[in-house]
Amino acid sequence: MAYPTGCTLYIRESEGLPVGIQLVCGIWEEEKTLALMGVIERCWNNRPSQSAPLARPGDFISEKQRLGIANPPH
């Protein structure tokens, strides 16, 4: 899967900038939010430059499924 042409330009310009992520959970679902925070931290790879690795499509979904917190199909 390719990124849109303009997206690559913005990715290069933002390299090294801090990345902010906000997670929100539903009522009584704090454990899912904490698990997802762990997924994000592991995917981050502790990069000292603070630039996020470009995720492949489905990385977070497959990790959520591995942890058993993915939404069931309807």
PDB file of N, CA and C in Angstrom:
ATOM      1  N   MET A   1       0.855  -1.176   0.000  1.00  0.00           N
ATOM      2  CA  MET A   1       0.000   0.000   0.000  1.00  0.00           C
ATOM      3  C   MET A   1       0.897   1.234   0.000  1.00  0.00           C
ATOM      4  N   ALA A   2       0.650   2.124  -0.906  1.00  0.00           N
ATOM      5  CA  ALA A   2       1.481   3.323  -1.043  1.00  0.00           C
ATOM      6  C   ALA A   2       0.849   4.504  -0.318  1.00  0.00           C
ATOM      7  N   TYR A   3       1.699   5.410   0.142  1.00  0.00           N
ATOM      8  CA  TYR A   3       1.214   6.640   0.747  1.00  0.00           C
ATOM      9  C   TYR A   3       0.884   7.638  -0.351  1.00  0.00           C
ATOM     10  N   PRO A   4      -0.102   8.525  -0.123  1.00  0.00           N
ATOM     11  CA  PRO A   4      -0.374   9.580  -1.103  1.00  0.00           C
ATOM     12  C   PRO A   4       0.882  10.422  -1.331  1.00  0.00           C
ATOM     13  N   THR A   5       1.025  10.974  -2.509  1.00  0.00           N
ATOM     14  CA  THR A   5       2.230  11.715  -2.884  1.00  0.00           C
ATOM     15  C   THR A   5       2.553  12.829  -1.897  1.00  0.00           C
ATOM     16  N   GLY A   6       1.580  13.650  -1.519  1.00  0.00           N
ATOM     17  CA  GLY A   6       1.818  14.763  -0.600  1.00  0.00           C
ATOM     18  C   GLY A   6       2.171  14.321   0.800  1.00  0.00           C
ATOM     19  N   CYS A   7       1.759  13.124   1.171  1.00  0.00           N
ATOM     20  CA  CYS A   7       2.007  12.622   2.523  1.00  0.00           C
ATOM     21  C   CYS A   7       3.503  12.450   2.777  1.00  0.00           C
ATOM     22  N   THR A   8       4.225  11.967   1.791  1.00  0.00           N
ATOM     23  CA  THR A   8       5.662  11.742   1.947  1.00  0.00           C
ATOM     24  C   THR A   8       6.391  13.032   2.278  1.00  0.00           C
ATOM     25  N   LEU A   9       6.000  14.128   1.644  1.00  0.00           N
ATOM     26  CA  LEU A   9       6.609  15.424   1.906  1.00  0.00           C
ATOM     27  C   LEU A   9       6.434  15.805   3.372  1.00  0.00           C
ATOM     28  N   TYR A  10       5.228  15.655   3.908  1.00  0.00           N
ATOM     29  CA  TYR A  10       4.979  16.032   5.292  1.00  0.00           C
ATOM     30  C   TYR A  10       5.694  15.107   6.264  1.00  0.00           C
ATOM     31  N   ILE A  11       5.828  13.851   5.904  1.00  0.00           N
ATOM     32  CA  ILE A  11       6.556  12.922   6.770  1.00  0.00           C
ATOM     33  C   ILE A  11       8.012  13.354   6.879  1.00  0.00           C
ATOM     34  N   ARG A  12       8.610  13.715   5.774  1.00  0.00           N
ATOM     35  CA  ARG A  12      10.015  14.144   5.793  1.00  0.00           C
ATOM     36  C   ARG A  12      10.182  15.444   6.565  1.00  0.00           C
ATOM     37  N   GLU A  13       9.232  16.373   6.410  1.00  0.00           N
ATOM     38  CA  GLU A  13       9.347  17.662   7.099  1.00  0.00           C
ATOM     39  C   GLU A  13       9.159  17.523   8.600  1.00  0.00           C
ATOM     40  N   SER A  14       8.414  16.540   9.042  1.00  0.00           N
ATOM     41  CA  SER A  14       8.140  16.402  10.471  1.00  0.00           C
ATOM     42  C   SER A  14       9.117  15.469  11.176  1.00  0.00           C
ATOM     43  N   GLU A  15      10.093  14.938  10.460  1.00  0.00           N
ATOM     44  CA  GLU A  15      11.044  14.006  11.069  1.00  0.00           C
ATOM     45  C   GLU A  15      11.783  14.677  12.222  1.00  0.00           C
ATOM     46  N   GLY A  16      11.812  13.998  13.361  1.00  0.00           N
ATOM     47  CA  GLY A  16      12.492  14.519  14.538  1.00  0.00           C
ATOM     48  C   GLY A  16      11.599  15.317  15.469  1.00  0.00           C
ATOM     49  N   LEU A  17      10.397  15.670  15.012  1.00  0.00           N
ATOM     50  CA  LEU A  17       9.476  16.409  15.874  1.00  0.00           C
ATOM     51  C   LEU A  17       8.781  15.435  16.820  1.00  0.00           C
ATOM     52  N   PRO A  18       8.410  15.897  18.004  1.00  0.00           N
ATOM     53  CA  PRO A  18       7.682  15.023  18.924  1.00  0.00           C
ATOM     54  C   PRO A  18       6.334  14.628  18.333  1.00  0.00           C
ATOM     55  N   VAL A  19       5.878  13.456  18.705  1.00  0.00           N
ATOM     56  CA  VAL A  19       4.586  12.964  18.256  1.00  0.00           C
ATOM     57  C   VAL A  19       3.679  12.883  19.468  1.00  0.00           C
ATOM     58  N   GLY A  20       2.491  13.445  19.364  1.00  0.00           N
ATOM     59  CA  GLY A  20       1.522  13.378  20.450  1.00  0.00           C
ATOM     60  C   GLY A  20       0.422  12.388  20.107  1.00  0.00           C
ATOM     61  N   ILE A  21       0.079  11.546  21.054  1.00  0.00           N
ATOM     62  CA  ILE A  21      -0.974  10.556  20.852  1.00  0.00           C
ATOM     63  C   ILE A  21      -1.936  10.663  22.022  1.00  0.00           C
ATOM     64  N   GLN A  22      -3.224  10.731  21.706  1.00  0.00           N
ATOM     65  CA  GLN A  22      -4.243  10.775  22.751  1.00  0.00           C
ATOM     66  C   GLN A  22      -5.136   9.551  22.598  1.00  0.00           C
ATOM     67  N   LEU A  23      -5.298   8.804  23.685  1.00  0.00           N
ATOM     68  CA  LEU A  23      -6.167   7.636  23.679  1.00  0.00           C
ATOM     69  C   LEU A  23      -7.356   7.906  24.579  1.00  0.00           C
ATOM     70  N   VAL A  24      -8.511   7.481  24.148  1.00  0.00           N
ATOM     71  CA  VAL A  24      -9.736   7.663  24.920  1.00  0.00           C
ATOM     72  C   VAL A  24     -10.401   6.302  25.040  1.00  0.00           C
ATOM     73  N   CYS A  25     -10.916   6.011  26.226  1.00  0.00           N
ATOM     74  CA  CYS A  25     -11.583   4.727  26.411  1.00  0.00           C
ATOM     75  C   CYS A  25     -13.027   4.941  26.837  1.00  0.00           C
ATOM     76  N   GLY A  26     -13.784   3.890  26.691  1.00  0.00           N
ATOM     77  CA  GLY A  26     -15.162   3.915  27.146  1.00  0.00           C
ATOM     78  C   GLY A  26     -15.222   3.648  28.644  1.00  0.00           C
ATOM     79  N   ILE A  27     -16.408   3.737  29.169  1.00  0.00           N
ATOM     80  CA  ILE A  27     -16.611   3.499  30.600  1.00  0.00           C
ATOM     81  C   ILE A  27     -16.209   2.065  30.936  1.00  0.00           C
ATOM     82  N   TRP A  28     -15.429   1.888  31.982  1.00  0.00           N
ATOM     83  CA  TRP A  28     -14.959   0.605  32.489  1.00  0.00           C
ATOM     84  C   TRP A  28     -14.062  -0.122  31.479  1.00  0.00           C
ATOM     85  N   GLU A  29     -13.392   0.594  30.583  1.00  0.00           N
ATOM     86  CA  GLU A  29     -12.506  -0.043  29.606  1.00  0.00           C
ATOM     87  C   GLU A  29     -11.069   0.456  29.730  1.00  0.00           C
ATOM     88  N   GLU A  30     -10.673   0.848  30.939  1.00  0.00           N
ATOM     89  CA  GLU A  30      -9.328   1.369  31.145  1.00  0.00           C
ATOM     90  C   GLU A  30      -8.257   0.344  30.806  1.00  0.00           C
ATOM     91  N   GLU A  31      -8.547  -0.950  31.072  1.00  0.00           N
ATOM     92  CA  GLU A  31      -7.544  -1.981  30.797  1.00  0.00           C
ATOM     93  C   GLU A  31      -7.244  -2.083  29.302  1.00  0.00           C
ATOM     94  N   LYS A  32      -8.231  -1.843  28.457  1.00  0.00           N
ATOM     95  CA  LYS A  32      -7.994  -1.860  27.006  1.00  0.00           C
ATOM     96  C   LYS A  32      -7.108  -0.685  26.599  1.00  0.00           C
ATOM     97  N   THR A  33      -7.351   0.475  27.198  1.00  0.00           N
ATOM     98  CA  THR A  33      -6.545   1.651  26.876  1.00  0.00           C
ATOM     99  C   THR A  33      -5.103   1.449  27.325  1.00  0.00           C
ATOM    100  N   LEU A  34      -4.912   0.897  28.514  1.00  0.00           N
ATOM    101  CA  LEU A  34      -3.556   0.640  28.999  1.00  0.00           C
ATOM    102  C   LEU A  34      -2.845  -0.387  28.120  1.00  0.00           C
ATOM    103  N   ALA A  35      -3.575  -1.408  27.672  1.00  0.00           N
ATOM    104  CA  ALA A  35      -2.972  -2.405  26.782  1.00  0.00           C
ATOM    105  C   ALA A  35      -2.572  -1.771  25.456  1.00  0.00           C
ATOM    106  N   LEU A  36      -3.422  -0.906  24.915  1.00  0.00           N
ATOM    107  CA  LEU A  36      -3.102  -0.242  23.654  1.00  0.00           C
ATOM    108  C   LEU A  36      -1.919   0.703  23.818  1.00  0.00           C
ATOM    109  N   MET A  37      -1.810   1.352  24.988  1.00  0.00           N
ATOM    110  CA  MET A  37      -0.641   2.198  25.247  1.00  0.00           C
ATOM    111  C   MET A  37       0.634   1.352  25.208  1.00  0.00           C
ATOM    112  N   GLY A  38       0.567   0.147  25.751  1.00  0.00           N
ATOM    113  CA  GLY A  38       1.717  -0.750  25.699  1.00  0.00           C
ATOM    114  C   GLY A  38       2.073  -1.146  24.273  1.00  0.00           C
ATOM    115  N   VAL A  39       1.047  -1.367  23.446  1.00  0.00           N
ATOM    116  CA  VAL A  39       1.281  -1.696  22.034  1.00  0.00           C
ATOM    117  C   VAL A  39       2.017  -0.555  21.347  1.00  0.00           C
ATOM    118  N   ILE A  40       1.553   0.665  21.583  1.00  0.00           N
ATOM    119  CA  ILE A  40       2.172   1.835  20.954  1.00  0.00           C
ATOM    120  C   ILE A  40       3.618   1.979  21.415  1.00  0.00           C
ATOM    121  N   GLU A  41       3.862   1.802  22.705  1.00  0.00           N
ATOM    122  CA  GLU A  41       5.235   1.918  23.210  1.00  0.00           C
ATOM    123  C   GLU A  41       6.154   0.870  22.592  1.00  0.00           C
ATOM    124  N   ARG A  42       5.668  -0.375  22.470  1.00  0.00           N
ATOM    125  CA  ARG A  42       6.507  -1.425  21.875  1.00  0.00           C
ATOM    126  C   ARG A  42       6.765  -1.148  20.400  1.00  0.00           C
ATOM    127  N   CYS A  43       5.789  -0.603  19.697  1.00  0.00           N
ATOM    128  CA  CYS A  43       5.963  -0.287  18.273  1.00  0.00           C
ATOM    129  C   CYS A  43       6.884   0.912  18.077  1.00  0.00           C
ATOM    130  N   TRP A  44       7.043   1.705  19.110  1.00  0.00           N
ATOM    131  CA  TRP A  44       7.855   2.922  19.003  1.00  0.00           C
ATOM    132  C   TRP A  44       9.342   2.605  18.879  1.00  0.00           C
ATOM    133  N   ASN A  45       9.777   1.492  19.450  1.00  0.00           N
ATOM    134  CA  ASN A  45      11.173   1.047  19.408  1.00  0.00           C
ATOM    135  C   ASN A  45      12.139   1.997  20.116  1.00  0.00           C
ATOM    136  N   ASN A  46      11.692   2.806  21.038  1.00  0.00           N
ATOM    137  CA  ASN A  46      12.556   3.706  21.812  1.00  0.00           C
ATOM    138  C   ASN A  46      13.509   4.506  20.936  1.00  0.00           C
ATOM    139  N   ARG A  47      13.005   5.093  19.915  1.00  0.00           N
ATOM    140  CA  ARG A  47      13.840   5.876  18.999  1.00  0.00           C
ATOM    141  C   ARG A  47      14.242   7.187  19.668  1.00  0.00           C
ATOM    142  N   PRO A  48      15.527   7.449  19.821  1.00  0.00           N
ATOM    143  CA  PRO A  48      15.974   8.674  20.489  1.00  0.00           C
ATOM    144  C   PRO A  48      15.655   9.936  19.704  1.00  0.00           C
ATOM    145  N   SER A  49      15.435   9.823  18.391  1.00  0.00           N
ATOM    146  CA  SER A  49      15.144  11.021  17.601  1.00  0.00           C
ATOM    147  C   SER A  49      13.691  11.457  17.749  1.00  0.00           C
ATOM    148  N   GLN A  50      12.890  10.695  18.447  1.00  0.00           N
ATOM    149  CA  GLN A  50      11.472  10.963  18.666  1.00  0.00           C
ATOM    150  C   GLN A  50      10.661  10.958  17.384  1.00  0.00           C
ATOM    151  N   SER A  51      11.170  10.379  16.334  1.00  0.00           N
ATOM    152  CA  SER A  51      10.371  10.274  15.121  1.00  0.00           C
ATOM    153  C   SER A  51       9.731   8.894  15.090  1.00  0.00           C
ATOM    154  N   ALA A  52       8.465   8.864  14.812  1.00  0.00           N
ATOM    155  CA  ALA A  52       7.736   7.605  14.807  1.00  0.00           C
ATOM    156  C   ALA A  52       8.079   6.799  13.568  1.00  0.00           C
ATOM    157  N   PRO A  53       8.225   5.482  13.727  1.00  0.00           N
ATOM    158  CA  PRO A  53       8.441   4.663  12.538  1.00  0.00           C
ATOM    159  C   PRO A  53       7.173   4.652  11.700  1.00  0.00           C
ATOM    160  N   LEU A  54       7.306   4.562  10.414  1.00  0.00           N
ATOM    161  CA  LEU A  54       6.130   4.470   9.561  1.00  0.00           C
ATOM    162  C   LEU A  54       5.550   3.074   9.713  1.00  0.00           C
ATOM    163  N   ALA A  55       4.360   3.013  10.247  1.00  0.00           N
ATOM    164  CA  ALA A  55       3.717   1.725  10.476  1.00  0.00           C
ATOM    165  C   ALA A  55       3.213   1.142   9.165  1.00  0.00           C
ATOM    166  N   ARG A  56       3.255  -0.167   9.090  1.00  0.00           N
ATOM    167  CA  ARG A  56       2.661  -0.837   7.935  1.00  0.00           C
ATOM    168  C   ARG A  56       1.168  -0.950   8.193  1.00  0.00           C
ATOM    169  N   PRO A  57       0.354  -0.943   7.153  1.00  0.00           N
ATOM    170  CA  PRO A  57      -1.092  -1.087   7.349  1.00  0.00           C
ATOM    171  C   PRO A  57      -1.392  -2.361   8.133  1.00  0.00           C
ATOM    172  N   GLY A  58      -2.179  -2.242   9.175  1.00  0.00           N
ATOM    173  CA  GLY A  58      -2.582  -3.391   9.965  1.00  0.00           C
ATOM    174  C   GLY A  58      -1.697  -3.715  11.148  1.00  0.00           C
ATOM    175  N   ASP A  59      -0.580  -2.997  11.365  1.00  0.00           N
ATOM    176  CA  ASP A  59       0.308  -3.308  12.490  1.00  0.00           C
ATOM    177  C   ASP A  59      -0.425  -3.259  13.829  1.00  0.00           C
ATOM    178  N   PHE A  60      -1.159  -2.178  14.077  1.00  0.00           N
ATOM    179  CA  PHE A  60      -1.832  -2.036  15.363  1.00  0.00           C
ATOM    180  C   PHE A  60      -2.984  -3.027  15.490  1.00  0.00           C
ATOM    181  N   ILE A  61      -3.689  -3.270  14.382  1.00  0.00           N
ATOM    182  CA  ILE A  61      -4.809  -4.207  14.429  1.00  0.00           C
ATOM    183  C   ILE A  61      -4.309  -5.608  14.761  1.00  0.00           C
ATOM    184  N   SER A  62      -3.233  -6.049  14.115  1.00  0.00           N
ATOM    185  CA  SER A  62      -2.724  -7.395  14.390  1.00  0.00           C
ATOM    186  C   SER A  62      -2.206  -7.504  15.822  1.00  0.00           C
ATOM    187  N   GLU A  63      -1.609  -6.448  16.337  1.00  0.00           N
ATOM    188  CA  GLU A  63      -1.123  -6.479  17.726  1.00  0.00           C
ATOM    189  C   GLU A  63      -2.299  -6.510  18.700  1.00  0.00           C
ATOM    190  N   LYS A  64      -3.361  -5.767  18.409  1.00  0.00           N
ATOM    191  CA  LYS A  64      -4.558  -5.809  19.249  1.00  0.00           C
ATOM    192  C   LYS A  64      -5.165  -7.209  19.239  1.00  0.00           C
ATOM    193  N   GLN A  65      -5.217  -7.847  18.074  1.00  0.00           N
ATOM    194  CA  GLN A  65      -5.760  -9.200  17.990  1.00  0.00           C
ATOM    195  C   GLN A  65      -4.898 -10.169  18.789  1.00  0.00           C
ATOM    196  N   ARG A  66      -3.580 -10.004  18.716  1.00  0.00           N
ATOM    197  CA  ARG A  66      -2.676 -10.877  19.468  1.00  0.00           C
ATOM    198  C   ARG A  66      -2.922 -10.755  20.963  1.00  0.00           C
ATOM    199  N   LEU A  67      -3.227  -9.525  21.414  1.00  0.00           N
ATOM    200  CA  LEU A  67      -3.479  -9.288  22.834  1.00  0.00           C
ATOM    201  C   LEU A  67      -4.912  -9.625  23.238  1.00  0.00           C
ATOM    202  N   GLY A  68      -5.762  -9.911  22.249  1.00  0.00           N
ATOM    203  CA  GLY A  68      -7.154 -10.248  22.547  1.00  0.00           C
ATOM    204  C   GLY A  68      -8.022  -9.053  22.866  1.00  0.00           C
ATOM    205  N   ILE A  69      -7.650  -7.859  22.385  1.00  0.00           N
ATOM    206  CA  ILE A  69      -8.458  -6.672  22.674  1.00  0.00           C
ATOM    207  C   ILE A  69      -9.067  -6.083  21.412  1.00  0.00           C
ATOM    208  N   ALA A  70      -8.967  -6.792  20.283  1.00  0.00           N
ATOM    209  CA  ALA A  70      -9.536  -6.293  19.029  1.00  0.00           C
ATOM    210  C   ALA A  70     -11.053  -6.406  19.087  1.00  0.00           C
ATOM    211  N   ASN A  71     -11.716  -5.491  18.408  1.00  0.00           N
ATOM    212  CA  ASN A  71     -13.170  -5.544  18.329  1.00  0.00           C
ATOM    213  C   ASN A  71     -13.581  -6.769  17.520  1.00  0.00           C
ATOM    214  N   PRO A  72     -14.592  -7.513  17.985  1.00  0.00           N
ATOM    215  CA  PRO A  72     -15.032  -8.686  17.224  1.00  0.00           C
ATOM    216  C   PRO A  72     -15.716  -8.248  15.930  1.00  0.00           C
ATOM    217  N   PRO A  73     -15.611  -9.059  14.868  1.00  0.00           N
ATOM    218  CA  PRO A  73     -16.293  -8.700  13.614  1.00  0.00           C
ATOM    219  C   PRO A  73     -17.797  -8.729  13.804  1.00  0.00           C
ATOM    220  N   HIS A  74     -18.488  -7.890  13.082  1.00  0.00           N
ATOM    221  CA  HIS A  74     -19.958  -7.817  13.204  1.00  0.00           C
ATOM    222  C   HIS A  74     -20.624  -8.723  12.209  1.00  0.00           C
TER     223      HIS A  74
END
